[in-house]
Structure formats: C-alpha cells, structure tokens
Amino acid sequence: MKRLLLPASILLASGAQLAHADLSFYGKANVSYQQTDLESKDTEQWELNSNASRIGLKGSTPIDNTGLTVIYQAEYEIAVDTGTADSKSGNTFKQRNTFVGIQGDFGTLSAGQFDTATKLLGKEVDQFNDLVIGDIKNIMEGENRQKNIVQYSSPTVLGGLSFTAAVSPGENRDTNEDNAADGNVFSVQYQTKQFLFAVAHDTDIEDYDTTRAIFTTRLGPVDLGVLVQTAELAGEVDSQQEDSALISAAFNASDKWVLKAQYGVGETELVTGDQEKTQAALGADYKLSSALTVFAYAAQVENDTVGAISTTDSTAGAGIWFKF
C-alpha cells in the first residue's frame, strides 16, 4: 500500500482542524484463464476473466481534541481483461465499497455503499469468493452490496462479542417505499482465536428477507467453515423460500500451499416447481509472497428444476492475484 500524508492546513472537519490525513492507495489484480461450459446458456468457451479486480483510496484522520477519527474509502472495480468493469453502462470503473464515517470509543458510524454484514459473513466461509461458478452467489441469495446504507458497528466486548445494525431508505426503488428504514441489516458475532460464530439478518434487502448463520474454526492445519441460510421474498404471503447450506475446508499443507474444497446446496420453492442448485469446487493456492498468489480451481453448479431439463455449469482454470 502506498501511503500519503496530506498537509493539515487543507483538511477541516466540523470547524476543527485535522492534525493529518493518513491516505492509502491500494488494489488487487485477479485474473484467471479458464474453460467454461454453461449448459444453462448453451455456451462453451475459453476465457480470460478479471475476478473483481479493484483499486481504491482509504484513510483515517483524527479530529483534534475530540477522541474521534474520520474514516473514508472510495473503491472501484476494474476489468483487467476488457477494460469495461460495468458491462451495463460500458464504464471503465464500477463503484464498490465507498463510504465515510466517524470512529471512536463508542464504535463506528458509516454511510455510503458497501457490503452488508450478511455478505461479509459469507466471505468467512466461501473459499472461492469472486470466482466464476465457484462463488456462493451462484446458489444462494444474500450476497449484496447495498446502496444508500447507514451502519453502526459496535466495539468488541466480553472477549469477542460485537454487533452491527444498518438501515437503508427506500429511495430509488420501483415500489412505493419512502420510510427512513425500509431495509435493515443486523448482525451479531462472537470471535476468539479458536472459532467464529455469527448470525446476520436482512429485512427487505434486494427484495429478500434473509437469515444467515456461520461457524468457522481451525483444527490443526485445517480451516473449516459451515454456513446455513434461509431467505424469502420480503412482504409476500406464502412467498417462495430458499434454504441453503455450505461447508468448506482449506488445508494449509505448508506456508506456501493451501488446498481448498467446498460443497453447497440451495433449494428454492417455486410456484412452477421446486428448484435445487448443487455446487462443488476444488482448488489449490501457491503463495509466492504475502502479496502474490497463483491458483488453480475447478467448480460446477448443477441446476435441477421440477418440470425442466437439468443443467450443469462448470469451469476449470488457473490464475494469479496480486495485492498492493
């Protein structure tokens, strides 16, 4: 990360002069070359993928004589392969986690666009996050980066207990929602050196009410993770319900090699018939340094829907990621 110190004379907040600003430029380039067969779309091809590559600025600035610190971040996805991060608009950059906030002994209050607590819990278990077909978003709801969100994050107490609470107004929605908190997210977690247990609940986030629970632990050289979840359309009577579960493992074979595997199932009750998605993925990482890793993986998602032809989407390939 590249750090910049900005002169105090140009930074003011609430009328108080800021002592200094600690600004970091950072990023991650993640690309993979792979063969992907999508039976669901009747396509098969070799492709180079940019897997959520990104650049950003982030920093923190203490406010003199208050005990408070301003925190801020502006992060954007970049497409290492095509140069077009947002395929819908054709833009080079696509906004990711971007926010401003205040931090102190009371905790952290932040506002902007960023991953919900529910999505962050998924990252603790998902060994193939951001990868084509391997990411858990292919079999379950809850992977949301929410716009127009205000969140409070508590300090950690009692040796590992913390919680978050967030609200999101109904602006820019198609439905007639105009309350101060049409959507909200709450999470609570307890984390020690041995394990992490956490639960999060979304209310009307991207039209779904979602409850997700995770448990992670390390047994010797093996990291284990379990995720269970239920989701249903918000505000609907007898709405479709999705029940999902995932288990993952990472074997730290050495300080360089990590072998990974995960298996998940998502079942959805539809009016037209029940749907089941089954995901399996295997992979290996080789760490060349703390910032550079090469990897290979294979993943598939089977889609079985009552009254429809079953399909299997699969991929296999290798890639590299570099953090700076």
Protein backbone atom coordinates (compact mmCIF):
# COMPACT_ATOMS: atom_id res chain seq x y z
CA MET A 1 0.00 0.00 0.00
CA LYS A 2 1.18 3.49 -0.80
CA ARG A 3 0.67 6.00 2.00
CA LEU A 4 0.39 9.75 1.61
CA LEU A 5 0.43 12.38 4.33
CA LEU A 6 -1.68 15.41 3.44
CA PRO A 7 -0.99 18.83 4.99
CA ALA A 8 -3.18 19.61 7.98
CA SER A 9 -3.88 23.08 6.65
CA ILE A 10 -6.11 21.75 3.86
CA LEU A 11 -8.21 19.41 5.96
CA LEU A 12 -11.08 20.71 8.12
CA ALA A 13 -13.94 18.85 9.78
CA SER A 14 -16.78 20.36 11.81
CA GLY A 15 -14.76 23.55 12.17
CA ALA A 16 -11.87 21.75 13.85
CA GLN A 17 -8.52 21.50 12.16
CA LEU A 18 -7.41 17.94 11.39
CA ALA A 19 -3.94 17.03 12.52
CA HIS A 20 -3.10 14.93 9.48
CA ALA A 21 -4.62 12.53 6.99
CA ASP A 22 -3.21 9.03 6.54
CA LEU A 23 -4.21 8.13 2.98
CA SER A 24 -3.54 4.75 1.36
CA PHE A 25 -3.76 3.74 -2.29
CA TYR A 26 -4.44 0.03 -2.67
CA GLY A 27 -5.69 -2.53 -5.11
CA LYS A 28 -6.00 -6.14 -6.18
CA ALA A 29 -5.49 -7.59 -9.66
CA ASN A 30 -7.07 -11.03 -10.01
CA VAL A 31 -7.17 -12.77 -13.38
CA SER A 32 -7.78 -16.37 -14.44
CA TYR A 33 -7.63 -18.25 -17.73
CA GLN A 34 -10.20 -20.99 -17.90
CA GLN A 35 -12.57 -23.10 -19.93
CA THR A 36 -16.21 -22.55 -19.01
CA ASP A 37 -19.15 -24.68 -20.12
CA LEU A 38 -22.56 -23.14 -19.40
CA GLU A 39 -25.27 -25.67 -20.25
CA SER A 40 -27.82 -23.20 -18.85
CA LYS A 41 -26.89 -20.79 -21.67
CA ASP A 42 -25.74 -23.38 -24.23
CA THR A 43 -22.24 -21.90 -24.44
CA GLU A 44 -18.74 -23.34 -24.09
CA GLN A 45 -15.58 -21.27 -24.43
CA TRP A 46 -12.09 -20.45 -23.21
CA GLU A 47 -11.97 -17.08 -21.47
CA LEU A 48 -9.78 -14.69 -19.54
CA ASN A 49 -11.64 -13.33 -16.52
CA SER A 50 -10.98 -10.40 -14.23
CA ASN A 51 -12.26 -11.59 -10.87
CA ALA A 52 -13.43 -8.45 -9.05
CA SER A 53 -10.10 -6.68 -9.59
CA ARG A 54 -10.12 -3.30 -7.87
CA ILE A 55 -8.33 -0.11 -6.94
CA GLY A 56 -9.13 2.27 -4.13
CA LEU A 57 -8.22 5.01 -1.71
CA LYS A 58 -8.81 4.76 2.02
CA GLY A 59 -7.67 6.56 5.10
CA SER A 60 -8.35 7.90 8.55
CA THR A 61 -7.94 11.36 10.03
CA PRO A 62 -8.02 12.10 13.77
CA ILE A 63 -10.05 15.16 14.76
CA ASP A 64 -8.12 17.27 17.25
CA ASN A 65 -9.23 17.20 20.90
CA THR A 66 -12.31 15.03 20.27
CA GLY A 67 -11.17 11.42 20.52
CA LEU A 68 -12.86 10.88 17.16
CA THR A 69 -11.44 9.80 13.82
CA VAL A 70 -12.86 10.32 10.35
CA ILE A 71 -12.61 7.19 8.19
CA TYR A 72 -13.20 7.09 4.45
CA GLN A 73 -12.86 4.84 1.44
CA ALA A 74 -13.52 5.02 -2.30
CA GLU A 75 -13.15 1.70 -4.11
CA TYR A 76 -13.83 0.79 -7.73
CA GLU A 77 -13.83 -2.43 -9.70
CA ILE A 78 -11.60 -2.52 -12.77
CA ALA A 79 -11.63 -5.05 -15.60
CA VAL A 80 -8.09 -6.26 -16.18
CA ASP A 81 -9.27 -8.34 -19.15
CA THR A 82 -11.54 -5.99 -21.15
CA GLY A 83 -11.25 -2.54 -19.60
CA THR A 84 -15.01 -2.39 -19.04
CA ALA A 85 -15.89 -3.06 -15.40
CA ASP A 86 -19.59 -2.20 -15.74
CA SER A 87 -20.96 -4.13 -18.71
CA LYS A 88 -24.36 -2.42 -18.49
CA SER A 89 -23.08 1.14 -18.78
CA GLY A 90 -19.80 0.43 -20.54
CA ASN A 91 -17.87 2.36 -17.88
CA THR A 92 -14.24 1.63 -17.06
CA PHE A 93 -14.91 1.79 -13.30
CA LYS A 94 -17.71 0.27 -11.23
CA GLN A 95 -18.22 1.52 -7.69
CA ARG A 96 -17.61 -0.96 -4.89
CA ASN A 97 -17.35 -0.27 -1.15
CA THR A 98 -17.36 3.51 -0.77
CA PHE A 99 -18.18 5.34 2.46
CA VAL A 100 -17.36 7.98 5.03
CA GLY A 101 -17.70 7.58 8.78
CA ILE A 102 -16.81 8.54 12.33
CA GLN A 103 -14.94 6.21 14.68
CA GLY A 104 -14.42 6.45 18.42
CA ASP A 105 -14.68 4.55 21.69
CA PHE A 106 -18.43 4.26 21.03
CA GLY A 107 -17.83 2.23 17.85
CA THR A 108 -18.09 3.21 14.19
CA LEU A 109 -20.84 5.00 12.28
CA SER A 110 -20.51 4.89 8.49
CA ALA A 111 -22.63 5.80 5.47
CA GLY A 112 -22.39 5.06 1.76
CA GLN A 113 -22.43 1.91 -0.37
CA PHE A 114 -20.82 -1.24 0.99
CA ASP A 115 -21.18 -4.96 1.59
CA THR A 116 -23.87 -5.90 4.06
CA ALA A 117 -22.92 -7.75 7.23
CA THR A 118 -24.69 -10.78 5.75
CA LYS A 119 -22.41 -10.78 2.72
CA LEU A 120 -19.32 -10.33 4.89
CA LEU A 121 -20.22 -13.44 6.87
CA GLY A 122 -20.33 -15.39 3.62
CA LYS A 123 -16.75 -14.37 2.83
CA GLU A 124 -15.61 -16.05 6.04
CA VAL A 125 -16.74 -19.42 4.64
CA ASP A 126 -16.56 -19.04 0.84
CA GLN A 127 -13.18 -20.39 -0.29
CA PHE A 128 -13.85 -19.43 -3.93
CA ASN A 129 -15.16 -15.91 -3.46
CA ASP A 130 -15.26 -13.78 -6.66
CA LEU A 131 -14.50 -16.76 -8.92
CA VAL A 132 -16.71 -17.81 -11.84
CA ILE A 133 -19.17 -20.55 -10.79
CA GLY A 134 -17.21 -21.04 -7.54
CA ASP A 135 -18.67 -18.04 -5.68
CA ILE A 136 -21.56 -18.87 -3.35
CA LYS A 137 -23.73 -16.24 -5.05
CA ASN A 138 -24.40 -18.90 -7.69
CA ILE A 139 -26.56 -20.94 -5.31
CA MET A 140 -27.94 -18.56 -2.68
CA GLU A 141 -29.27 -15.06 -2.01
CA GLY A 142 -27.69 -12.63 0.43
CA GLU A 143 -24.58 -11.53 -1.49
CA ASN A 144 -25.49 -7.84 -1.56
CA ARG A 145 -23.52 -4.62 -1.74
CA GLN A 146 -26.18 -2.19 -0.53
CA LYS A 147 -26.55 1.37 -1.80
CA ASN A 148 -27.76 4.18 0.47
CA ILE A 149 -26.87 2.44 3.73
CA VAL A 150 -26.04 3.78 7.19
CA GLN A 151 -24.42 1.37 9.64
CA TYR A 152 -23.34 1.32 13.27
CA SER A 153 -20.64 -1.16 14.29
CA SER A 154 -20.08 -1.72 17.99
CA PRO A 155 -16.70 -2.10 19.69
CA THR A 156 -15.71 -5.62 20.71
CA VAL A 157 -16.62 -6.51 24.31
CA LEU A 158 -16.59 -9.58 26.57
CA GLY A 159 -13.59 -11.08 24.84
CA GLY A 160 -15.03 -11.25 21.34
CA LEU A 161 -18.67 -10.08 21.18
CA SER A 162 -19.71 -7.40 18.69
CA PHE A 163 -22.71 -6.41 16.57
CA THR A 164 -23.74 -4.20 13.67
CA ALA A 165 -27.04 -2.51 12.83
CA ALA A 166 -27.77 -0.84 9.49
CA VAL A 167 -30.69 0.92 7.81
CA SER A 168 -31.36 1.72 4.17
CA PRO A 169 -34.13 4.08 2.98
CA GLY A 170 -36.41 3.12 0.10
CA GLU A 171 -35.17 5.77 -2.32
CA ASN A 172 -34.90 4.87 -6.00
CA ARG A 173 -36.96 1.72 -5.60
CA ASP A 174 -39.70 0.75 -8.03
CA THR A 175 -42.16 0.12 -5.21
CA ASN A 176 -43.71 2.88 -3.13
CA GLU A 177 -41.31 2.74 -0.18
CA ASP A 178 -40.30 6.04 1.37
CA ASN A 179 -39.59 5.30 5.02
CA ALA A 180 -36.37 6.07 6.87
CA ALA A 181 -35.54 2.37 7.17
CA ASP A 182 -37.33 0.32 4.50
CA GLY A 183 -34.43 -2.11 4.57
CA ASN A 184 -32.28 -3.04 7.53
CA VAL A 185 -29.50 -5.43 8.46
CA PHE A 186 -28.49 -6.69 11.89
CA SER A 187 -25.64 -8.99 12.83
CA VAL A 188 -24.05 -10.32 15.99
CA GLN A 189 -20.86 -12.33 16.28
CA TYR A 190 -18.56 -13.85 18.85
CA GLN A 191 -14.97 -14.43 17.78
CA THR A 192 -11.98 -15.89 19.59
CA LYS A 193 -8.64 -17.25 18.41
CA GLN A 194 -10.26 -20.68 18.16
CA PHE A 195 -13.58 -20.01 16.41
CA LEU A 196 -16.08 -17.55 14.95
CA PHE A 197 -19.85 -17.83 15.34
CA ALA A 198 -22.08 -15.21 13.76
CA VAL A 199 -25.67 -14.58 12.69
CA ALA A 200 -26.99 -11.87 10.37
CA HIS A 201 -30.50 -10.94 9.24
CA ASP A 202 -31.58 -8.81 6.27
CA THR A 203 -35.04 -7.26 6.14
CA ASP A 204 -36.12 -6.22 2.63
CA ILE A 205 -32.62 -6.05 1.19
CA GLU A 206 -32.77 -6.50 -2.60
CA ASP A 207 -36.37 -7.66 -2.06
CA TYR A 208 -35.42 -10.52 0.28
CA ASP A 209 -35.61 -11.27 3.99
CA THR A 210 -32.54 -13.38 4.70
CA THR A 211 -31.13 -15.02 7.81
CA ARG A 212 -27.58 -16.40 7.63
CA ALA A 213 -25.50 -18.16 10.30
CA ILE A 214 -21.87 -19.24 10.07
CA PHE A 215 -19.33 -21.12 12.14
CA THR A 216 -15.60 -21.28 11.40
CA THR A 217 -12.74 -22.91 13.27
CA ARG A 218 -9.22 -24.22 12.76
CA LEU A 219 -8.32 -27.82 13.58
CA GLY A 220 -4.57 -28.11 13.28
CA PRO A 221 -3.69 -27.11 9.70
CA VAL A 222 -7.32 -27.26 8.51
CA ASP A 223 -9.72 -24.30 8.38
CA LEU A 224 -13.35 -25.42 8.46
CA GLY A 225 -16.45 -23.36 7.72
CA VAL A 226 -20.19 -24.01 7.81
CA LEU A 227 -22.97 -21.73 6.56
CA VAL A 228 -26.74 -22.20 6.81
CA GLN A 229 -29.31 -19.77 5.48
CA THR A 230 -32.97 -19.21 4.76
CA ALA A 231 -34.36 -16.46 2.51
CA GLU A 232 -37.78 -15.45 1.22
CA LEU A 233 -39.29 -12.62 -0.79
CA ALA A 234 -39.97 -9.66 1.50
CA GLY A 235 -43.55 -8.69 2.22
CA GLU A 236 -45.05 -11.62 0.34
CA VAL A 237 -47.58 -14.01 1.86
CA ASP A 238 -46.63 -17.64 1.20
CA SER A 239 -43.70 -16.37 -0.87
CA GLN A 240 -41.03 -18.57 -2.38
CA GLN A 241 -38.46 -19.71 0.18
CA GLU A 242 -34.84 -20.62 -0.36
CA ASP A 243 -32.94 -22.82 2.09
CA SER A 244 -29.19 -23.13 1.64
CA ALA A 245 -26.22 -24.79 3.30
CA LEU A 246 -22.49 -24.80 2.60
CA ILE A 247 -19.43 -26.48 4.06
CA SER A 248 -15.85 -25.57 3.18
CA ALA A 249 -12.33 -26.61 4.12
CA ALA A 250 -8.82 -25.31 3.50
CA PHE A 251 -5.79 -27.48 4.26
CA ASN A 252 -2.67 -25.42 4.92
CA ALA A 253 -0.20 -28.01 3.65
CA SER A 254 2.76 -25.66 4.17
CA ASP A 255 3.49 -21.97 4.44
CA LYS A 256 3.14 -21.88 0.63
CA TRP A 257 0.47 -24.42 -0.33
CA VAL A 258 -3.24 -24.30 0.50
CA LEU A 259 -5.66 -26.97 -0.76
CA LYS A 260 -9.34 -25.97 -0.79
CA ALA A 261 -12.74 -27.59 -1.22
CA GLN A 262 -16.37 -26.68 -0.68
CA TYR A 263 -19.82 -28.09 -1.27
CA GLY A 264 -23.15 -26.31 -1.09
CA VAL A 265 -26.84 -26.80 -1.80
CA GLY A 266 -29.59 -24.26 -2.36
CA GLU A 267 -33.24 -25.37 -2.54
CA THR A 268 -35.99 -22.96 -3.61
CA GLU A 269 -39.75 -23.49 -3.51
CA LEU A 270 -41.17 -22.05 -6.74
CA VAL A 271 -44.76 -21.84 -7.96
CA THR A 272 -43.76 -23.77 -11.07
CA GLY A 273 -41.87 -26.44 -9.11
CA ASP A 274 -39.04 -26.84 -6.65
CA GLN A 275 -35.51 -25.95 -7.75
CA GLU A 276 -32.27 -27.35 -6.36
CA LYS A 277 -28.79 -25.99 -7.06
CA THR A 278 -25.77 -28.03 -6.01
CA GLN A 279 -22.28 -26.53 -6.04
CA ALA A 280 -18.92 -28.28 -5.72
CA ALA A 281 -15.45 -26.75 -6.04
CA LEU A 282 -11.84 -27.85 -5.60
CA GLY A 283 -8.72 -25.71 -5.78
CA ALA A 284 -5.14 -25.05 -4.76
CA ASP A 285 -3.26 -21.84 -3.94
CA TYR A 286 0.50 -21.34 -4.03
CA LYS A 287 1.72 -18.23 -2.20
CA LEU A 288 4.76 -16.71 -3.87
CA SER A 289 4.71 -13.89 -1.31
CA SER A 290 2.29 -12.23 1.09
CA ALA A 291 1.02 -10.15 -1.85
CA LEU A 292 1.22 -12.63 -4.74
CA THR A 293 -0.59 -15.95 -5.18
CA VAL A 294 -1.08 -18.30 -8.13
CA PHE A 295 -4.04 -20.66 -8.08
CA ALA A 296 -5.97 -23.33 -9.93
CA TYR A 297 -9.54 -24.45 -9.41
CA ALA A 298 -12.49 -26.33 -10.84
CA ALA A 299 -16.14 -25.75 -9.99
CA GLN A 300 -19.58 -26.77 -11.11
CA VAL A 301 -23.20 -25.94 -10.33
CA GLU A 302 -25.96 -28.44 -11.10
CA ASN A 303 -29.43 -26.97 -11.54
CA ASP A 304 -32.41 -29.30 -11.15
CA THR A 305 -35.90 -27.83 -11.53
CA VAL A 306 -39.12 -29.85 -11.46
CA GLY A 307 -40.59 -29.97 -14.95
CA ALA A 308 -37.44 -28.64 -16.64
CA ILE A 309 -34.27 -30.08 -18.12
CA SER A 310 -31.42 -30.31 -15.61
CA THR A 311 -28.27 -28.36 -16.49
CA THR A 312 -24.69 -28.29 -15.26
CA ASP A 313 -22.45 -25.22 -15.48
CA SER A 314 -18.75 -25.96 -14.99
CA THR A 315 -15.34 -24.34 -15.26
CA ALA A 316 -11.67 -25.17 -14.73
CA GLY A 317 -8.60 -23.00 -15.00
CA ALA A 318 -5.70 -21.23 -13.35
CA GLY A 319 -4.95 -17.68 -12.36
CA ILE A 320 -2.95 -15.19 -10.36
CA TRP A 321 -3.77 -12.40 -7.91
CA PHE A 322 -1.61 -9.60 -6.64
CA LYS A 323 -2.43 -7.17 -3.84
CA PHE A 324 -0.81 -3.77 -3.48
